[in-house]
Amino acid sequence: MSKSSKIALIKEILDSAEASIRSAKQMIAELSGESANNQIAKMAEKLSSHKQIGESHIIEGSFDGQNMMGPEGRMYSVPANYASKSKLIPGDILKLTITEDGTFLYKQIGPVERKKIVGTLTYDEGQYRVIANAKSYKVLLASVTYFKAEIGDKVTIVVPENEESEWAAIENVLPQFDGSEEPDEFQI
């Protein structure tokens, strides 16, 4: 076996070991009740709590995958279509403006560092998930329906680069080619 083949094999073994460790950590966190929400809560505590400008109230919080957690630990429901369209991921900082007529207006003001990975869309126990890098990520139903994704599709997801997360945002559905012909947009 050549030196370069040995190096490639060692890299493959290390990648597999890292994926196994990430999966084991995720399973421990889920079983013990610890989760990324603890990290989200710590981030939210550092944000400005509540401001009143005229009749409007402004609250900053951290997105947890479905909701915004405010500095007091209070959860605010984020519309799934907004979270999906904005490709929000856990850790993103949001500003919520509650107007005098009770309207909730969200704005992303602090996106976390992101990375994109490719995985396969699945459905398990009433939840859409994407399996990528030996890990299962929850995704919003609104994203699945918006992209018209189907179980088994390859999708690109966005996850926090530096933190573990049980949630991801769907970036896009990858086209399926059967290999027998070129896709239309590549034909000359």
Protein backbone atom coordinates (compact mmCIF):
# COMPACT_ATOMS: atom_id res chain seq x y z
CA MET A 1 0.00 0.00 0.00
CA SER A 2 1.43 3.38 -1.01
CA LYS A 3 2.01 6.21 1.45
CA SER A 4 -0.79 8.32 -0.07
CA SER A 5 -3.21 5.37 0.15
CA LYS A 6 -2.35 4.90 3.82
CA ILE A 7 -2.90 8.60 4.49
CA ALA A 8 -6.27 8.50 2.71
CA LEU A 9 -7.27 5.42 4.73
CA ILE A 10 -6.24 7.07 8.01
CA LYS A 11 -8.25 10.21 7.11
CA GLU A 12 -11.28 8.05 6.34
CA ILE A 13 -10.95 6.21 9.67
CA LEU A 14 -10.65 9.53 11.55
CA ASP A 15 -13.70 10.99 9.77
CA SER A 16 -15.69 7.91 10.69
CA ALA A 17 -14.54 8.11 14.32
CA GLU A 18 -15.46 11.81 14.54
CA ALA A 19 -18.92 11.11 13.12
CA SER A 20 -19.42 8.30 15.63
CA ILE A 21 -18.40 10.55 18.51
CA ARG A 22 -20.79 13.32 17.34
CA SER A 23 -23.63 10.80 17.10
CA ALA A 24 -22.87 9.40 20.56
CA LYS A 25 -22.80 12.92 22.05
CA GLN A 26 -26.12 13.74 20.40
CA MET A 27 -27.70 10.56 21.75
CA ILE A 28 -26.38 11.24 25.28
CA ALA A 29 -27.71 14.81 25.17
CA GLU A 30 -31.14 13.63 23.99
CA LEU A 31 -31.35 10.85 26.61
CA SER A 32 -30.12 13.01 29.50
CA GLY A 33 -32.35 15.95 28.66
CA GLU A 34 -29.38 18.17 27.88
CA SER A 35 -29.60 19.83 24.55
CA ALA A 36 -28.56 22.72 22.43
CA ASN A 37 -31.38 24.63 24.15
CA ASN A 38 -29.10 25.02 27.18
CA GLN A 39 -26.59 26.79 24.94
CA ILE A 40 -29.39 28.86 23.36
CA ALA A 41 -30.64 29.89 26.83
CA LYS A 42 -27.15 31.01 27.86
CA MET A 43 -26.85 33.10 24.70
CA ALA A 44 -30.31 34.63 25.21
CA GLU A 45 -29.49 35.68 28.79
CA LYS A 46 -26.78 38.00 27.45
CA LEU A 47 -29.15 39.90 25.15
CA SER A 48 -30.98 43.11 25.96
CA SER A 49 -34.16 42.16 27.67
CA HIS A 50 -36.92 44.55 26.77
CA LYS A 51 -37.16 48.01 25.28
CA GLN A 52 -40.21 50.12 24.71
CA ILE A 53 -40.22 52.56 21.82
CA GLY A 54 -43.49 54.45 21.73
CA GLU A 55 -46.20 51.82 21.88
CA SER A 56 -43.97 49.07 20.48
CA HIS A 57 -41.98 46.59 22.56
CA ILE A 58 -38.64 45.25 21.32
CA ILE A 59 -37.16 41.99 22.58
CA GLU A 60 -33.96 40.31 21.43
CA GLY A 61 -33.58 36.56 21.61
CA SER A 62 -31.87 33.51 20.27
CA PHE A 63 -33.45 31.08 17.80
CA ASP A 64 -33.56 27.44 18.98
CA GLY A 65 -34.74 25.74 15.79
CA GLN A 66 -38.45 26.54 16.21
CA ASN A 67 -38.83 29.43 18.66
CA MET A 68 -37.04 32.50 19.93
CA MET A 69 -35.85 32.31 23.50
CA GLY A 70 -35.84 35.71 25.17
CA PRO A 71 -33.42 36.86 27.85
CA GLU A 72 -35.81 35.96 30.67
CA GLY A 73 -36.11 32.40 29.34
CA ARG A 74 -39.51 33.14 27.82
CA MET A 75 -40.24 31.46 24.49
CA TYR A 76 -41.73 33.35 21.55
CA SER A 77 -43.25 31.49 18.63
CA VAL A 78 -41.47 32.17 15.33
CA PRO A 79 -43.63 31.56 12.25
CA ALA A 80 -42.32 28.45 10.48
CA ASN A 81 -42.57 30.09 7.06
CA TYR A 82 -40.36 32.99 8.23
CA ALA A 83 -37.82 30.63 9.83
CA SER A 84 -37.80 28.49 6.69
CA LYS A 85 -37.57 31.38 4.21
CA SER A 86 -34.84 33.08 6.25
CA LYS A 87 -33.00 29.77 6.75
CA LEU A 88 -32.72 30.41 10.48
CA ILE A 89 -30.58 27.99 12.47
CA PRO A 90 -30.06 27.57 16.21
CA GLY A 91 -28.04 30.39 17.68
CA ASP A 92 -29.21 33.09 15.26
CA ILE A 93 -30.05 36.31 17.11
CA LEU A 94 -33.48 37.77 16.39
CA LYS A 95 -35.17 41.05 17.22
CA LEU A 96 -38.89 40.81 17.93
CA THR A 97 -40.96 43.98 17.68
CA ILE A 98 -44.43 43.70 19.19
CA THR A 99 -46.46 46.57 17.75
CA GLU A 100 -49.27 48.37 19.56
CA ASP A 101 -51.85 46.31 17.66
CA GLY A 102 -50.20 43.05 18.82
CA THR A 103 -48.40 42.20 15.58
CA PHE A 104 -45.16 40.26 16.02
CA LEU A 105 -42.40 41.33 13.60
CA TYR A 106 -39.18 39.32 13.57
CA LYS A 107 -35.86 40.36 12.11
CA GLN A 108 -32.63 38.37 12.05
CA ILE A 109 -29.92 40.66 13.48
CA GLY A 110 -27.08 38.27 14.27
CA PRO A 111 -26.57 35.14 12.20
CA VAL A 112 -24.18 32.54 13.63
CA GLU A 113 -21.38 31.13 11.50
CA ARG A 114 -22.75 28.49 9.16
CA LYS A 115 -21.65 25.49 7.19
CA LYS A 116 -23.47 23.61 4.46
CA ILE A 117 -23.66 19.84 4.25
CA VAL A 118 -25.52 17.39 2.04
CA GLY A 119 -27.79 14.71 3.45
CA THR A 120 -30.88 12.61 2.81
CA LEU A 121 -34.41 13.64 3.83
CA THR A 122 -36.18 11.11 6.07
CA TYR A 123 -39.32 11.00 8.22
CA ASP A 124 -39.28 9.42 11.67
CA GLU A 125 -41.73 9.58 14.59
CA GLY A 126 -43.73 12.47 13.13
CA GLN A 127 -40.67 14.62 12.33
CA TYR A 128 -38.84 15.33 9.08
CA ARG A 129 -35.10 14.84 9.48
CA VAL A 130 -32.00 15.00 7.33
CA ILE A 131 -29.32 12.37 7.84
CA ALA A 132 -25.91 13.89 7.14
CA ASN A 133 -22.41 13.12 8.40
CA ALA A 134 -23.77 10.26 10.54
CA LYS A 135 -26.11 12.64 12.38
CA SER A 136 -29.85 13.25 12.30
CA TYR A 137 -31.00 16.89 12.03
CA LYS A 138 -34.62 18.01 12.50
CA VAL A 139 -35.98 20.30 9.77
CA LEU A 140 -39.15 22.35 9.63
CA LEU A 141 -42.16 21.01 7.74
CA ALA A 142 -42.49 24.47 6.14
CA SER A 143 -39.06 24.00 4.51
CA VAL A 144 -39.95 20.54 3.24
CA THR A 145 -43.19 21.77 1.65
CA TYR A 146 -41.64 24.99 0.30
CA PHE A 147 -38.94 23.05 -1.55
CA LYS A 148 -41.39 20.27 -2.50
CA ALA A 149 -38.90 17.81 -1.04
CA GLU A 150 -39.73 14.13 -0.78
CA ILE A 151 -38.42 11.43 1.50
CA GLY A 152 -35.18 10.10 0.04
CA ASP A 153 -34.24 13.36 -1.69
CA LYS A 154 -30.69 14.64 -1.32
CA VAL A 155 -30.79 18.08 0.25
CA THR A 156 -28.30 20.76 1.20
CA ILE A 157 -28.74 21.89 4.79
CA VAL A 158 -27.29 24.74 6.81
CA VAL A 159 -26.10 24.08 10.38
CA PRO A 160 -24.12 26.09 12.94
CA GLU A 161 -20.41 25.81 12.16
CA ASN A 162 -19.09 25.86 15.71
CA GLU A 163 -21.91 24.41 17.84
CA GLU A 164 -23.74 21.10 17.95
CA SER A 165 -27.35 21.38 16.84
CA GLU A 166 -30.32 19.09 16.55
CA TRP A 167 -31.93 21.46 14.00
CA ALA A 168 -30.91 22.48 10.48
CA ALA A 169 -32.36 24.67 7.74
CA ILE A 170 -32.91 23.32 4.26
CA GLU A 171 -30.90 25.33 1.73
CA ASN A 172 -32.08 23.47 -1.37
CA VAL A 173 -33.10 20.12 -2.84
CA LEU A 174 -30.47 18.65 -5.13
CA PRO A 175 -31.67 17.55 -8.57
CA GLN A 176 -31.75 13.84 -9.28
CA PHE A 177 -29.96 12.70 -12.42
CA ASP A 178 -30.23 9.14 -13.63
CA GLY A 179 -26.93 9.43 -15.47
CA SER A 180 -28.41 8.56 -18.88
CA GLU A 181 -28.75 12.16 -20.03
CA GLU A 182 -27.52 15.61 -19.18
CA PRO A 183 -29.88 17.95 -17.36
CA ASP A 184 -31.66 20.44 -19.66
CA GLU A 185 -29.78 23.48 -18.42
CA PHE A 186 -26.45 21.87 -19.38
CA GLN A 187 -27.44 20.82 -22.87
CA ILE A 188 -26.00 22.79 -25.76
